């Protein structure tokens, strides 16, 4: 039964019924293949092209491959929970919709607000990586042109702004068209990743793997105060540069590389057979990218000593192309840079797609202005897509990439914790629901997923936590100022029959 006030829940049946409203109806065009492409398209990107090398140099050394394994295990546990929810509640909104059905409206709002942080800031962070590669590619073709310009005290990233504007227009045009473009570009970047693996093997020097976990560094480079991990701040145990703590900090940061499989869940409402297709899309894409990630990091850290991958004093970060350039394989570095440019494009596109679907679900429920949920003639929420494009453009154009990445991680892990807990709640409260996929070994798997995600959250910096709490506090203010008073579920009353909704 629905609760009252903050804890009123929206029934699964009502959520599914809402998908048939003519004015806010999304077109069902996607298949399991489309979802797998979306998953691979969004996950293979920043982790391979812009994050793996710099994380090896700054935090983990050769053990970055183990850090990827740790992050992948946490993701896999959460992915199983997402698959069950998405096959049971095939409605746009992902963790927001799931939370509305289990924990109530306030928790749903909090997770929806959190997903705004995850997807929009994630898209902005990857847009900056794309801009960095654009500058590299232009330089390799003889055009020395910076993709950032100084505007007084602010540095504007025009490369990132250009990408976001193009992708916003593409998403307005339609989800199926976005899927087709994504499929072509994904094929290109997978080919580039395979080239890295096959070509890089011949340049591996096994001496570069020793020590596999470099000894922890002490001295001025070790973070202190709010710049150290929350675990280190609370316990005083170790730093976060190399050593075991560096490995754990790297796993928390590399979690960013796996962000995206949960975007597949946001497209459940646009899928023809979501009970079967969504779990396949989520788990299939995660399995593919995990194998590729581990293989690539083993190759890169074998090609060059890890200390050559450190971030430079001028702030420039090592990328996948760095290892090949260091070995004199300049043509491969060029190919990788071009492939990365294409690959990161799909990452930003799918993250923006996921963001629009979460806002769409929140608007349809009245927690945000209802008029935003109107779908155009192509079955896409045009107003929301344009609004998200502007939000991502501002974040990408004016904020540094490193801070954006950590903010994405804490938001995503928080969402994973709630989804994993939601599986336990829904199994108890609605055992009658038809589930297209069931998490095995309940409650062991969901509990393990929660613990793994909480541990990774503890290894993010304390300053990231402060920013996250400020963002969530702002969300609480917005909910009480607008969402709670305009909630359609609240207007109906806890026991009111389902009625046609007005504006």
Protein backbone atom coordinates (compact mmCIF):
# COMPACT_ATOMS: atom_id res chain seq x y z
CA UNK A 1 0.00 0.00 0.00
CA UNK A 2 1.22 3.54 -0.68
CA UNK A 3 2.45 5.48 2.29
CA UNK A 4 1.83 9.09 3.21
CA UNK A 5 3.93 12.19 2.73
CA UNK A 6 7.61 11.60 2.15
CA UNK A 7 7.34 7.82 2.09
CA UNK A 8 4.40 7.33 -0.29
CA UNK A 9 5.28 4.73 -2.88
CA UNK A 10 4.22 4.55 -6.49
CA UNK A 11 2.99 1.09 -7.43
CA UNK A 12 4.67 -0.91 -10.17
CA UNK A 13 1.31 -1.13 -11.93
CA UNK A 14 0.91 2.67 -11.91
CA UNK A 15 4.43 3.19 -13.23
CA UNK A 16 3.79 0.82 -16.12
CA UNK A 17 0.37 2.37 -16.83
CA UNK A 18 1.99 5.81 -17.11
CA UNK A 19 4.04 4.63 -20.07
CA UNK A 20 0.87 4.60 -22.21
CA UNK A 21 -0.04 8.26 -21.71
CA UNK A 22 -0.26 9.72 -25.26
CA UNK A 23 1.43 13.05 -24.48
CA UNK A 24 4.43 11.48 -22.73
CA UNK A 25 4.76 8.21 -24.61
CA UNK A 26 8.21 7.04 -25.70
CA UNK A 27 8.59 5.03 -28.88
CA UNK A 28 9.52 1.34 -28.41
CA UNK A 29 12.29 0.89 -30.97
CA UNK A 30 15.17 -0.82 -29.16
CA UNK A 31 16.28 -4.46 -29.12
CA UNK A 32 18.74 -6.42 -26.97
CA UNK A 33 21.39 -5.74 -29.61
CA UNK A 34 20.72 -1.99 -29.44
CA UNK A 35 21.04 -2.06 -25.65
CA UNK A 36 24.31 -4.00 -25.74
CA UNK A 37 25.67 -1.45 -28.21
CA UNK A 38 24.56 1.39 -25.95
CA UNK A 39 26.24 -0.31 -22.98
CA UNK A 40 29.54 -0.94 -24.77
CA UNK A 41 29.35 2.49 -26.44
CA UNK A 42 29.14 4.34 -23.15
CA UNK A 43 31.46 2.17 -21.06
CA UNK A 44 34.38 1.88 -23.50
CA UNK A 45 35.61 5.40 -23.52
CA UNK A 46 37.03 7.49 -20.72
CA UNK A 47 38.30 4.47 -18.79
CA UNK A 48 40.42 3.21 -21.67
CA UNK A 49 41.37 6.37 -23.46
CA UNK A 50 41.80 9.01 -20.75
CA UNK A 51 41.83 7.40 -17.29
CA UNK A 52 43.70 4.07 -17.28
CA UNK A 53 47.18 5.42 -18.03
CA UNK A 54 47.03 8.42 -15.68
CA UNK A 55 45.64 6.27 -12.84
CA UNK A 56 48.53 3.86 -13.26
CA UNK A 57 51.02 6.73 -13.10
CA UNK A 58 49.44 8.61 -10.21
CA UNK A 59 47.90 5.98 -7.94
CA UNK A 60 48.38 2.27 -8.59
CA UNK A 61 51.34 1.58 -10.88
CA UNK A 62 51.10 -1.79 -12.71
CA UNK A 63 48.42 -2.92 -10.25
CA UNK A 64 45.96 -0.71 -12.13
CA UNK A 65 44.83 -3.94 -13.84
CA UNK A 66 43.88 -5.36 -10.43
CA UNK A 67 42.14 -2.07 -9.63
CA UNK A 68 40.02 -2.59 -12.74
CA UNK A 69 39.14 -6.09 -11.52
CA UNK A 70 38.02 -4.74 -8.14
CA UNK A 71 35.88 -2.05 -9.77
CA UNK A 72 34.43 -4.60 -12.20
CA UNK A 73 33.41 -6.95 -9.38
CA UNK A 74 31.53 -4.15 -7.62
CA UNK A 75 29.86 -3.22 -10.90
CA UNK A 76 28.92 -6.81 -11.69
CA UNK A 77 27.22 -7.25 -8.31
CA UNK A 78 25.24 -4.05 -8.83
CA UNK A 79 24.53 -4.97 -12.46
CA UNK A 80 22.71 -8.13 -11.36
CA UNK A 81 20.44 -6.01 -9.17
CA UNK A 82 19.82 -3.52 -11.98
CA UNK A 83 18.94 -6.37 -14.32
CA UNK A 84 16.27 -7.71 -11.95
CA UNK A 85 14.73 -4.29 -11.37
CA UNK A 86 14.75 -3.27 -15.03
CA UNK A 87 13.13 -6.53 -16.12
CA UNK A 88 10.46 -6.14 -13.43
CA UNK A 89 9.79 -2.43 -13.88
CA UNK A 90 10.46 -1.63 -17.57
CA UNK A 91 9.95 2.11 -17.14
CA UNK A 92 12.20 5.09 -17.90
CA UNK A 93 14.08 6.49 -14.93
CA UNK A 94 16.25 3.58 -13.81
CA UNK A 95 17.16 3.83 -10.11
CA UNK A 96 14.73 6.73 -9.63
CA UNK A 97 11.75 4.64 -10.72
CA UNK A 98 12.95 1.62 -8.76
CA UNK A 99 13.31 3.68 -5.59
CA UNK A 100 9.83 5.20 -6.00
CA UNK A 101 8.39 1.68 -5.91
CA UNK A 102 10.38 0.54 -2.88
CA UNK A 103 11.57 3.35 -0.60
CA UNK A 104 9.03 6.06 -1.35
CA UNK A 105 8.87 9.48 -2.98
CA UNK A 106 11.53 11.30 -0.98
CA UNK A 107 14.12 8.58 -1.55
CA UNK A 108 13.14 8.51 -5.23
CA UNK A 109 13.68 12.25 -5.49
CA UNK A 110 17.06 11.99 -3.78
CA UNK A 111 18.22 9.25 -6.15
CA UNK A 112 16.84 11.12 -9.16
CA UNK A 113 18.71 14.25 -8.09
CA UNK A 114 21.77 12.06 -7.61
CA UNK A 115 21.41 10.67 -11.15
CA UNK A 116 21.37 14.23 -12.47
CA UNK A 117 24.83 14.50 -10.95
CA UNK A 118 25.97 11.14 -12.30
CA UNK A 119 24.92 11.47 -15.92
CA UNK A 120 25.23 15.21 -16.55
CA UNK A 121 28.58 15.59 -14.80
CA UNK A 122 29.79 12.33 -16.34
CA UNK A 123 28.94 13.62 -19.81
CA UNK A 124 30.76 16.86 -19.01
CA UNK A 125 33.88 15.04 -17.76
CA UNK A 126 34.09 12.84 -20.86
CA UNK A 127 33.45 15.86 -23.10
CA UNK A 128 36.61 17.39 -21.69
CA UNK A 129 38.51 14.17 -22.45
CA UNK A 130 37.18 14.35 -26.01
CA UNK A 131 38.38 17.93 -26.29
CA UNK A 132 41.84 16.91 -25.08
CA UNK A 133 42.04 14.24 -27.80
CA UNK A 134 40.77 16.71 -30.41
CA UNK A 135 43.71 18.97 -29.60
CA UNK A 136 46.08 16.00 -29.86
CA UNK A 137 44.66 14.90 -33.22
CA UNK A 138 44.85 18.41 -34.63
CA UNK A 139 48.49 18.60 -33.51
CA UNK A 140 49.31 15.26 -35.13
CA UNK A 141 47.99 16.61 -38.43
CA UNK A 142 50.12 19.73 -38.12
CA UNK A 143 47.50 22.11 -36.76
CA UNK A 144 48.65 23.44 -33.40
CA UNK A 145 45.36 24.71 -32.02
CA UNK A 146 44.34 24.69 -28.37
CA UNK A 147 40.78 23.60 -27.63
CA UNK A 148 40.64 25.91 -24.62
CA UNK A 149 40.77 29.69 -24.49
CA UNK A 150 41.29 32.02 -21.56
CA UNK A 151 38.38 34.35 -20.94
CA UNK A 152 39.59 36.48 -18.08
CA UNK A 153 39.79 34.34 -14.96
CA UNK A 154 37.90 31.47 -16.63
CA UNK A 155 39.21 28.89 -19.10
CA UNK A 156 36.58 28.00 -21.70
CA UNK A 157 36.75 24.58 -23.38
CA UNK A 158 35.29 25.28 -26.81
CA UNK A 159 36.00 21.73 -28.01
CA UNK A 160 33.72 20.26 -25.36
CA UNK A 161 31.03 22.84 -26.11
CA UNK A 162 31.10 21.94 -29.80
CA UNK A 163 30.64 18.23 -29.07
CA UNK A 164 27.74 18.75 -26.65
CA UNK A 165 25.90 20.99 -29.13
CA UNK A 166 26.18 18.36 -31.89
CA UNK A 167 25.02 15.48 -29.67
CA UNK A 168 22.08 17.45 -28.28
CA UNK A 169 20.80 17.90 -31.83
CA UNK A 170 21.28 14.19 -32.56
CA UNK A 171 19.35 13.10 -29.46
CA UNK A 172 16.47 15.43 -30.31
CA UNK A 173 16.28 13.71 -33.71
CA UNK A 174 15.49 10.29 -32.18
CA UNK A 175 16.72 7.39 -30.06
CA UNK A 176 16.90 4.87 -32.90
CA UNK A 177 19.01 7.23 -35.00
CA UNK A 178 21.28 7.72 -31.99
CA UNK A 179 21.60 3.94 -31.72
CA UNK A 180 22.62 3.61 -35.38
CA UNK A 181 25.27 6.31 -35.09
CA UNK A 182 26.47 4.73 -31.85
CA UNK A 183 26.80 1.30 -33.51
CA UNK A 184 29.09 2.62 -36.24
CA UNK A 185 31.33 4.57 -33.88
CA UNK A 186 31.43 1.72 -31.34
CA UNK A 187 32.71 -0.64 -34.03
CA UNK A 188 35.53 1.83 -34.76
CA UNK A 189 36.64 2.19 -31.17
CA UNK A 190 36.54 -1.55 -30.46
CA UNK A 191 38.80 -2.02 -33.48
CA UNK A 192 41.18 0.57 -32.01
CA UNK A 193 41.17 -1.15 -28.61
CA UNK A 194 41.96 -4.49 -30.25
CA UNK A 195 44.79 -2.80 -32.18
CA UNK A 196 46.22 -1.55 -28.88
CA UNK A 197 46.17 -5.05 -27.43
CA UNK A 198 47.59 -6.88 -30.46
CA UNK A 199 50.24 -4.30 -31.35
CA UNK A 200 51.20 -3.43 -27.79
CA UNK A 201 51.98 -7.03 -26.78
CA UNK A 202 55.18 -6.97 -28.85
CA UNK A 203 56.46 -3.94 -26.90
CA UNK A 204 55.88 -5.36 -23.41
CA UNK A 205 58.89 -5.47 -21.09
CA UNK A 206 58.01 -7.68 -18.13
CA UNK A 207 60.43 -5.71 -15.92
CA UNK A 208 57.87 -2.89 -16.00
CA UNK A 209 55.47 -5.04 -13.97
CA UNK A 210 57.82 -5.01 -10.97
CA UNK A 211 56.91 -3.94 -8.39
CA UNK A 212 53.32 -4.82 -9.25
CA UNK A 213 52.05 -2.79 -6.29
CA UNK A 214 54.63 0.02 -5.82
CA UNK A 215 55.48 0.91 -2.23
CA UNK A 216 53.39 3.68 -0.74
CA UNK A 217 54.97 7.09 -1.11
CA UNK A 218 55.47 9.48 1.75
CA UNK A 219 56.35 13.09 1.43
CA UNK A 220 54.88 16.13 -0.27
CA UNK A 221 53.02 14.16 -2.95
CA UNK A 222 50.83 12.33 -0.46
CA UNK A 223 47.42 13.97 -0.14
CA UNK A 224 46.38 15.50 3.16
CA UNK A 225 43.33 17.17 4.66
CA UNK A 226 40.20 16.99 2.50
CA UNK A 227 42.27 15.90 -0.50
CA UNK A 228 42.94 12.46 1.01
CA UNK A 229 40.46 9.59 0.88
CA UNK A 230 37.65 9.63 3.41
CA UNK A 231 38.92 6.32 4.80
CA UNK A 232 42.37 7.81 5.37
CA UNK A 233 40.89 10.92 6.95
CA UNK A 234 38.74 8.90 9.36
CA UNK A 235 41.31 6.26 10.29
CA UNK A 236 44.64 8.00 9.69
CA UNK A 237 45.76 4.85 7.86
CA UNK A 238 48.11 5.41 4.94
CA UNK A 239 48.01 7.77 2.02
CA UNK A 240 46.47 7.31 -1.39
CA UNK A 241 49.60 7.32 -3.58
CA UNK A 242 50.70 3.76 -4.48
CA UNK A 243 50.71 0.91 -1.98
CA UNK A 244 47.52 -0.90 -0.99
CA UNK A 245 45.69 2.35 -0.29
CA UNK A 246 46.68 3.65 -3.71
CA UNK A 247 45.31 0.48 -5.26
CA UNK A 248 41.99 0.92 -3.47
CA UNK A 249 41.84 4.61 -4.35
CA UNK A 250 42.50 3.66 -7.97
CA UNK A 251 39.64 1.14 -7.93
CA UNK A 252 37.32 3.86 -6.66
CA UNK A 253 38.43 6.24 -9.39
CA UNK A 254 38.37 3.61 -12.14
CA UNK A 255 34.78 2.91 -11.24
CA UNK A 256 34.21 5.92 -13.50
CA UNK A 257 35.35 3.72 -16.39
CA UNK A 258 32.39 1.36 -15.91
CA UNK A 259 29.73 4.00 -15.55
CA UNK A 260 27.19 3.51 -18.28
CA UNK A 261 25.79 0.01 -18.00
CA UNK A 262 23.09 1.48 -15.77
CA UNK A 263 22.14 3.79 -18.66
CA UNK A 264 20.80 0.68 -20.35
CA UNK A 265 18.18 0.44 -17.59
CA UNK A 266 16.97 3.98 -18.34
CA UNK A 267 15.96 2.91 -21.86
CA UNK A 268 13.79 -0.01 -20.69
CA UNK A 269 10.60 1.85 -21.61
CA UNK A 270 11.82 2.18 -25.21
CA UNK A 271 12.65 -1.51 -25.56
CA UNK A 272 10.44 -4.01 -27.40
CA UNK A 273 10.92 -6.95 -25.04
CA UNK A 274 12.44 -5.39 -21.89
CA UNK A 275 12.07 -8.48 -19.67
CA UNK A 276 14.62 -10.33 -21.80
CA UNK A 277 16.49 -7.57 -23.63
CA UNK A 278 17.44 -5.31 -20.71
CA UNK A 279 19.23 -7.94 -18.57
CA UNK A 280 21.07 -9.16 -21.67
CA UNK A 281 22.10 -5.63 -22.58
CA UNK A 282 23.33 -4.82 -19.07
CA UNK A 283 25.25 -8.01 -18.33
CA UNK A 284 26.50 -8.55 -21.89
CA UNK A 285 28.00 -5.09 -22.25
CA UNK A 286 29.65 -5.26 -18.82
CA UNK A 287 31.28 -8.62 -19.60
CA UNK A 288 32.69 -7.39 -22.92
CA UNK A 289 34.23 -4.21 -21.57
CA UNK A 290 35.74 -5.84 -18.47
CA UNK A 291 37.80 -8.24 -20.58
CA UNK A 292 38.97 -5.42 -22.85
CA UNK A 293 39.85 -3.12 -19.94
CA UNK A 294 42.03 -5.67 -18.17
CA UNK A 295 43.82 -6.62 -21.39
CA UNK A 296 44.57 -3.01 -22.29
CA UNK A 297 45.93 -2.06 -18.86
CA UNK A 298 48.23 -5.09 -18.82
CA UNK A 299 49.61 -4.03 -22.20
CA UNK A 300 50.05 -0.34 -21.35
CA UNK A 301 51.79 -0.87 -18.01
CA UNK A 302 54.03 -3.47 -19.66
CA UNK A 303 55.07 -1.07 -22.43
CA UNK A 304 56.38 1.76 -20.22
CA UNK A 305 57.46 2.18 -16.58
CA UNK A 306 54.54 3.42 -14.55
CA UNK A 307 56.35 6.57 -13.41
CA UNK A 308 56.36 7.80 -17.02
CA UNK A 309 52.56 7.90 -16.85
CA UNK A 310 52.38 10.45 -14.05
CA UNK A 311 50.49 13.69 -14.58
CA UNK A 312 52.91 16.41 -15.67
CA UNK A 313 53.55 19.64 -13.71
CA UNK A 314 51.58 21.57 -16.35
CA UNK A 315 48.53 19.39 -15.63
CA UNK A 316 48.65 17.31 -18.83
CA UNK A 317 47.68 13.69 -18.21
CA UNK A 318 48.97 10.50 -19.79
CA UNK A 319 46.60 8.78 -22.20
CA UNK A 320 46.48 5.50 -24.05
CA UNK A 321 48.53 7.04 -26.88
CA UNK A 322 51.33 8.02 -24.47
CA UNK A 323 52.77 4.49 -24.21
CA UNK A 324 52.97 4.11 -27.98
CA UNK A 325 54.51 7.54 -28.49
CA UNK A 326 57.12 6.68 -25.83
CA UNK A 327 58.02 3.56 -27.83
CA UNK A 328 58.33 5.55 -31.06
CA UNK A 329 55.18 4.09 -32.65
CA UNK A 330 53.83 7.47 -33.63
CA UNK A 331 51.43 6.18 -36.27
CA UNK A 332 49.73 4.00 -33.68
CA UNK A 333 49.47 6.98 -31.34
CA UNK A 334 47.71 8.87 -34.13
CA UNK A 335 45.27 6.02 -34.80
CA UNK A 336 44.52 5.70 -31.10
CA UNK A 337 43.87 9.42 -30.78
CA UNK A 338 41.45 9.38 -33.72
CA UNK A 339 39.73 6.26 -32.35
CA UNK A 340 39.45 7.87 -28.94
CA UNK A 341 37.92 10.97 -30.48
CA UNK A 342 35.24 8.81 -32.09
CA UNK A 343 34.82 6.58 -29.06
CA UNK A 344 34.35 9.31 -26.49
CA UNK A 345 31.63 10.79 -28.70
CA UNK A 346 29.31 7.86 -28.01
CA UNK A 347 30.07 7.95 -24.29
CA UNK A 348 28.86 11.52 -24.00
CA UNK A 349 25.84 10.79 -26.19
CA UNK A 350 24.61 7.82 -24.16
CA UNK A 351 25.19 9.56 -20.82
CA UNK A 352 23.12 12.48 -22.05
CA UNK A 353 20.45 10.03 -23.23
CA UNK A 354 20.31 8.46 -19.77
CA UNK A 355 20.09 11.87 -18.13
CA UNK A 356 17.14 12.96 -20.25
CA UNK A 357 15.21 9.78 -19.43
CA UNK A 358 15.65 10.28 -15.67
CA UNK A 359 14.45 13.89 -15.85
CA UNK A 360 11.62 12.72 -18.11
CA UNK A 361 10.43 10.23 -15.48
CA UNK A 362 10.65 12.80 -12.68
CA UNK A 363 8.72 15.36 -14.75
CA UNK A 364 6.02 12.85 -15.65
CA UNK A 365 5.50 12.26 -11.93
CA UNK A 366 5.21 16.01 -11.29
CA UNK A 367 8.34 16.28 -9.14
CA UNK A 368 9.71 18.58 -11.83
CA UNK A 369 7.55 20.73 -14.15
CA UNK A 370 5.14 18.42 -15.94
CA UNK A 371 5.41 20.27 -19.23
CA UNK A 372 9.01 19.09 -19.61
CA UNK A 373 7.79 15.51 -20.16
CA UNK A 374 6.02 16.35 -23.43
CA UNK A 375 7.38 14.20 -26.24
CA UNK A 376 7.76 15.53 -29.76
CA UNK A 377 6.66 13.96 -33.03
CA UNK A 378 9.70 11.67 -32.95
CA UNK A 379 8.84 10.36 -29.50
CA UNK A 380 11.67 12.16 -27.66
CA UNK A 381 11.46 14.70 -24.80
CA UNK A 382 12.76 17.69 -26.76
CA UNK A 383 12.63 20.32 -23.98
CA UNK A 384 14.50 18.11 -21.54
CA UNK A 385 17.11 17.15 -24.12
CA UNK A 386 17.88 20.77 -24.92
CA UNK A 387 17.96 21.70 -21.22
CA UNK A 388 20.36 18.85 -20.41
CA UNK A 389 22.51 19.91 -23.35
CA UNK A 390 22.84 23.37 -21.85
CA UNK A 391 23.64 21.98 -18.37
CA UNK A 392 26.34 19.64 -19.72
CA UNK A 393 27.76 22.42 -21.89
CA UNK A 394 28.23 24.70 -18.87
CA UNK A 395 29.87 21.97 -16.78
CA UNK A 396 32.13 20.82 -19.65
CA UNK A 397 33.05 24.30 -20.74
CA UNK A 398 34.05 25.79 -17.39
CA UNK A 399 35.01 23.08 -14.83
CA UNK A 400 38.21 20.94 -14.51
CA UNK A 401 37.94 17.27 -15.53
CA UNK A 402 39.49 15.63 -12.44
CA UNK A 403 36.94 17.07 -10.02
CA UNK A 404 34.08 16.10 -12.33
CA UNK A 405 35.19 12.43 -12.47
CA UNK A 406 35.20 11.95 -8.70
CA UNK A 407 31.81 13.65 -8.36
CA UNK A 408 30.37 11.19 -10.86
CA UNK A 409 31.76 8.22 -8.95
CA UNK A 410 30.27 9.10 -5.56
CA UNK A 411 26.88 9.74 -7.14
CA UNK A 412 26.88 6.49 -9.08
CA UNK A 413 27.96 4.37 -6.13
CA UNK A 414 25.20 5.89 -4.03
CA UNK A 415 22.66 4.94 -6.71
CA UNK A 416 24.05 1.39 -6.81
CA UNK A 417 23.65 1.03 -3.05
CA UNK A 418 19.97 2.01 -3.20
CA UNK A 419 19.21 -0.24 -6.18
CA UNK A 420 20.87 -3.23 -4.50
CA UNK A 421 18.92 -2.59 -1.29
CA UNK A 422 15.76 -2.11 -3.35
CA UNK A 423 15.98 -5.66 -4.67
CA UNK A 424 15.81 -6.96 -1.10
CA UNK A 425 12.84 -4.71 -0.28
CA UNK A 426 10.85 -5.57 -3.41
CA UNK A 427 11.46 -9.32 -2.98
CA UNK A 428 9.82 -9.01 0.45
CA UNK A 429 7.00 -6.56 -0.35
CA UNK A 430 6.05 -7.79 -3.83
CA UNK A 431 7.02 -11.45 -4.22
CA UNK A 432 4.11 -11.82 -6.69
CA UNK A 433 5.67 -9.66 -9.41
CA UNK A 434 6.78 -11.32 -12.63
CA UNK A 435 10.55 -10.98 -12.90
CA UNK A 436 12.21 -11.46 -16.29
CA UNK A 437 15.54 -11.89 -14.46
CA UNK A 438 16.21 -12.84 -10.84
CA UNK A 439 19.39 -12.08 -8.89
CA UNK A 440 20.88 -15.40 -7.70
CA UNK A 441 21.75 -16.08 -4.07
CA UNK A 442 19.58 -13.40 -2.49
CA UNK A 443 20.27 -11.82 -0.02
CA UNK A 444 24.01 -12.59 -0.34
CA UNK A 445 24.60 -10.89 -3.73
CA UNK A 446 22.70 -7.62 -3.00
CA UNK A 447 24.33 -7.30 0.45
CA UNK A 448 27.77 -7.91 -1.05
CA UNK A 449 27.02 -5.29 -3.73
CA UNK A 450 26.10 -2.75 -1.05
CA UNK A 451 29.27 -3.43 0.97
CA UNK A 452 31.51 -3.27 -2.13
CA UNK A 453 30.02 0.06 -3.24
CA UNK A 454 30.26 1.56 0.26
CA UNK A 455 33.91 0.53 0.45
CA UNK A 456 34.68 2.20 -2.88
CA UNK A 457 32.87 5.33 -1.69
CA UNK A 458 35.08 5.47 1.39
CA UNK A 459 38.15 5.57 -0.85
CA UNK A 460 37.05 8.71 -2.65
CA UNK A 461 38.45 11.99 -1.36
CA UNK A 462 36.83 13.74 1.58
CA UNK A 463 36.46 16.87 -0.54
CA UNK A 464 34.41 14.88 -3.05
CA UNK A 465 32.12 13.85 -0.21
CA UNK A 466 31.72 17.47 0.89
CA UNK A 467 30.73 18.51 -2.64
CA UNK A 468 28.35 15.56 -2.89
CA UNK A 469 26.62 16.41 0.39
CA UNK A 470 26.25 20.05 -0.69
CA UNK A 471 24.65 18.91 -3.96
CA UNK A 472 22.26 16.56 -2.14
CA UNK A 473 21.33 19.28 0.37
CA UNK A 474 20.43 21.52 -2.57
CA UNK A 475 18.26 18.68 -3.87
CA UNK A 476 16.38 18.48 -0.58
CA UNK A 477 15.65 22.21 -0.80
CA UNK A 478 14.31 21.86 -4.35
CA UNK A 479 12.11 18.91 -3.35
CA UNK A 480 10.42 20.74 -0.49
CA UNK A 481 10.16 23.99 -2.46
CA UNK A 482 8.62 22.37 -5.56
CA UNK A 483 8.52 18.59 -5.90
CA UNK A 484 6.53 17.69 -2.79
CA UNK A 485 3.80 20.26 -3.52
CA UNK A 486 3.45 19.30 -7.22
CA UNK A 487 3.75 15.51 -6.90
CA UNK A 488 0.98 13.85 -8.91
CA UNK A 489 0.96 10.92 -6.51
CA UNK A 490 0.51 13.35 -3.64
CA UNK A 491 -2.36 15.11 -5.41
CA UNK A 492 -4.14 11.81 -5.95
CA UNK A 493 -4.01 10.93 -2.28
CA UNK A 494 -2.58 7.74 -0.92
CA UNK A 495 -5.68 5.69 -1.62
CA UNK A 496 -7.05 7.48 -4.67
CA UNK A 497 -7.81 5.45 -7.79
CA UNK A 498 -5.63 5.91 -10.84
CA UNK A 499 -6.98 8.81 -12.84
CA UNK A 500 -6.11 10.57 -16.04
CA UNK A 501 -3.54 13.20 -15.24
CA UNK A 502 -3.86 16.79 -16.14
CA UNK A 503 -1.33 19.53 -16.45
